[in-house]
């Protein structure tokens, strides 16, 4: 998503493909909702601002980040979107639980995308502190939910262009 060299939250909307005619899903974790609600707000706003019809956007909540891959898979099989964004926030604690959850979620999200053959965007913050998470949920480092939506639009557009044999 972003790094110290590039912040995707600072994109130029006119350079982004239109989201008109695209169907998307967002699955969002209820755990750390103070963070994930802001990620959802950023993703939803960007998709609609770029032309997606709100009726073509399917949003579902899950208890925690661990459940995101299954929810994404279920969403593909029920609503048949062009792609899905997975939004969550896992904050480092005192145990190794953080490592297991982050690894499982990242591998699960990747597996769903590869199995389905459609974009599944990893919009899960993995931070050391709540402050770091808030900085990335509309704070000084932008909104990673917005960045996830930018990635989704670009990947859906890429898939469509490749399937059509165009650049």
Protein backbone atom coordinates (compact mmCIF):
# COMPACT_ATOMS: atom_id res chain seq x y z
CA UNK A 1 0.00 0.00 0.00
CA UNK A 2 2.07 2.98 1.12
CA UNK A 3 5.58 3.54 2.29
CA UNK A 4 7.71 6.44 3.34
CA UNK A 5 8.29 7.04 -0.39
CA UNK A 6 4.67 6.86 -1.60
CA UNK A 7 1.34 7.47 0.03
CA UNK A 8 -1.53 6.15 -2.11
CA UNK A 9 -3.97 8.29 -0.15
CA UNK A 10 -2.51 11.21 -2.11
CA UNK A 11 -3.65 10.00 -5.55
CA UNK A 12 -5.13 12.08 -8.38
CA UNK A 13 -8.79 11.04 -8.91
CA UNK A 14 -8.68 12.02 -12.58
CA UNK A 15 -5.87 9.48 -13.14
CA UNK A 16 -7.87 6.64 -11.59
CA UNK A 17 -10.17 4.56 -13.81
CA UNK A 18 -13.87 5.10 -13.32
CA UNK A 19 -15.62 2.67 -10.98
CA UNK A 20 -18.88 3.03 -12.91
CA UNK A 21 -20.20 -0.41 -13.80
CA UNK A 22 -18.00 -2.15 -11.23
CA UNK A 23 -19.44 -4.28 -8.43
CA UNK A 24 -17.46 -4.53 -5.21
CA UNK A 25 -17.65 -6.06 -1.79
CA UNK A 26 -16.15 -4.85 1.46
CA UNK A 27 -15.79 -7.10 4.47
CA UNK A 28 -14.80 -5.25 7.63
CA UNK A 29 -13.74 -6.47 11.05
CA UNK A 30 -15.69 -5.29 14.08
CA UNK A 31 -12.59 -5.76 16.26
CA UNK A 32 -10.89 -2.37 16.77
CA UNK A 33 -14.01 -0.73 15.31
CA UNK A 34 -12.73 2.75 16.19
CA UNK A 35 -10.15 2.13 13.45
CA UNK A 36 -12.00 -0.12 11.02
CA UNK A 37 -15.03 2.18 10.79
CA UNK A 38 -12.72 4.93 9.48
CA UNK A 39 -11.14 2.53 6.99
CA UNK A 40 -14.62 1.58 5.77
CA UNK A 41 -15.64 5.21 5.49
CA UNK A 42 -12.57 5.97 3.33
CA UNK A 43 -13.07 2.96 1.06
CA UNK A 44 -16.80 3.50 0.57
CA UNK A 45 -16.38 7.23 -0.16
CA UNK A 46 -13.64 6.65 -2.74
CA UNK A 47 -15.58 3.95 -4.60
CA UNK A 48 -18.73 6.07 -4.81
CA UNK A 49 -16.81 9.25 -5.66
CA UNK A 50 -15.20 7.34 -8.55
CA UNK A 51 -18.61 6.45 -9.97
CA UNK A 52 -19.63 3.16 -8.36
CA UNK A 53 -23.38 2.85 -7.92
CA UNK A 54 -24.02 2.41 -4.17
CA UNK A 55 -26.35 -0.50 -5.01
CA UNK A 56 -23.32 -2.31 -6.50
CA UNK A 57 -21.39 -2.09 -3.21
CA UNK A 58 -21.93 -4.92 -0.72
CA UNK A 59 -20.65 -4.30 2.81
CA UNK A 60 -20.58 -6.94 5.54
CA UNK A 61 -19.10 -7.00 9.04
CA UNK A 62 -17.32 -9.93 10.65
CA UNK A 63 -16.24 -10.38 14.28
CA UNK A 64 -12.48 -10.11 13.69
CA UNK A 65 -9.76 -10.03 11.05
CA UNK A 66 -9.36 -13.82 11.14
CA UNK A 67 -12.84 -14.14 9.58
CA UNK A 68 -12.13 -11.81 6.65
CA UNK A 69 -10.94 -14.42 4.10
CA UNK A 70 -13.97 -16.67 4.55
CA UNK A 71 -16.32 -13.68 4.40
CA UNK A 72 -14.66 -12.53 1.16
CA UNK A 73 -15.05 -16.01 -0.33
CA UNK A 74 -18.71 -16.18 0.71
CA UNK A 75 -19.34 -12.72 -0.76
CA UNK A 76 -17.90 -13.81 -4.12
CA UNK A 77 -20.20 -16.82 -4.19
CA UNK A 78 -23.36 -14.90 -3.24
CA UNK A 79 -23.06 -11.43 -4.82
CA UNK A 80 -20.47 -12.14 -7.57
CA UNK A 81 -18.58 -8.81 -7.25
CA UNK A 82 -15.65 -7.89 -9.46
CA UNK A 83 -13.48 -7.69 -6.34
CA UNK A 84 -13.50 -7.49 -2.56
CA UNK A 85 -11.69 -5.32 -0.03
CA UNK A 86 -10.85 -6.87 3.35
CA UNK A 87 -10.55 -4.24 6.11
CA UNK A 88 -9.26 -4.94 9.59
CA UNK A 89 -6.87 -3.87 12.30
CA UNK A 90 -4.62 -6.12 14.37
CA UNK A 91 -2.61 -4.37 17.08
CA UNK A 92 0.44 -6.04 18.64
CA UNK A 93 -0.16 -7.34 22.13
CA UNK A 94 2.01 -9.09 24.68
CA UNK A 95 1.69 -12.57 23.12
CA UNK A 96 2.42 -14.21 19.76
CA UNK A 97 -1.30 -14.17 18.90
CA UNK A 98 -0.63 -11.10 16.71
CA UNK A 99 1.78 -13.06 14.50
CA UNK A 100 -0.58 -15.99 14.03
CA UNK A 101 -3.56 -13.80 13.16
CA UNK A 102 -1.62 -11.57 10.75
CA UNK A 103 -0.09 -14.53 8.94
CA UNK A 104 -3.38 -16.41 8.69
CA UNK A 105 -5.28 -13.37 7.42
CA UNK A 106 -2.69 -12.35 4.83
CA UNK A 107 -2.36 -15.88 3.47
CA UNK A 108 -6.12 -16.38 3.53
CA UNK A 109 -6.81 -13.17 1.63
CA UNK A 110 -4.21 -14.09 -0.99
CA UNK A 111 -5.62 -17.61 -1.32
CA UNK A 112 -9.17 -16.38 -1.90
CA UNK A 113 -8.00 -14.04 -4.66
CA UNK A 114 -5.97 -16.73 -6.39
CA UNK A 115 -8.73 -19.35 -6.05
CA UNK A 116 -11.49 -17.01 -7.26
CA UNK A 117 -9.39 -15.26 -9.91
CA UNK A 118 -10.61 -11.82 -8.93
CA UNK A 119 -8.98 -9.05 -6.88
CA UNK A 120 -9.05 -9.37 -3.11
CA UNK A 121 -7.39 -6.38 -1.46
CA UNK A 122 -5.56 -6.68 1.86
CA UNK A 123 -6.62 -3.60 3.81
CA UNK A 124 -5.66 -4.90 7.23
CA UNK A 125 -3.55 -2.68 9.45
CA UNK A 126 -0.91 -4.55 11.46
CA UNK A 127 0.47 -2.03 13.92
CA UNK A 128 2.27 -1.90 17.24
CA UNK A 129 -0.09 0.63 18.81
CA UNK A 130 -3.57 2.12 18.51
CA UNK A 131 -1.94 5.48 17.76
CA UNK A 132 -0.17 4.00 14.72
CA UNK A 133 -3.48 2.51 13.56
CA UNK A 134 -5.31 5.83 13.92
CA UNK A 135 -2.52 7.57 11.98
CA UNK A 136 -3.34 5.20 9.10
CA UNK A 137 -7.12 5.46 9.40
CA UNK A 138 -7.49 9.07 8.34
CA UNK A 139 -4.60 10.50 10.37
CA UNK A 140 -1.19 11.77 9.37
CA UNK A 141 -0.45 8.75 7.15
CA UNK A 142 -3.69 8.98 5.16
CA UNK A 143 -6.50 6.46 5.11
CA UNK A 144 -5.53 2.92 4.18
CA UNK A 145 -9.19 2.18 3.43
CA UNK A 146 -9.01 4.79 0.68
CA UNK A 147 -5.79 3.21 -0.55
CA UNK A 148 -7.42 -0.22 -0.60
CA UNK A 149 -10.25 1.17 -2.75
CA UNK A 150 -7.72 2.72 -5.15
CA UNK A 151 -6.01 -0.67 -5.44
CA UNK A 152 -9.33 -2.43 -6.02
CA UNK A 153 -10.38 -0.12 -8.85
CA UNK A 154 -6.96 -0.40 -10.49
CA UNK A 155 -6.94 -4.21 -10.22
CA UNK A 156 -10.48 -4.61 -11.56
CA UNK A 157 -9.55 -2.32 -14.45
CA UNK A 158 -6.35 -4.33 -15.09
CA UNK A 159 -8.27 -7.61 -15.13
CA UNK A 160 -10.80 -6.18 -17.57
CA UNK A 161 -8.08 -4.82 -19.88
CA UNK A 162 -6.15 -8.11 -19.86
CA UNK A 163 -9.30 -10.09 -20.59
CA UNK A 164 -10.13 -7.71 -23.45
CA UNK A 165 -6.58 -7.90 -24.81
CA UNK A 166 -6.03 -4.14 -24.42
CA UNK A 167 -3.41 -2.11 -22.65
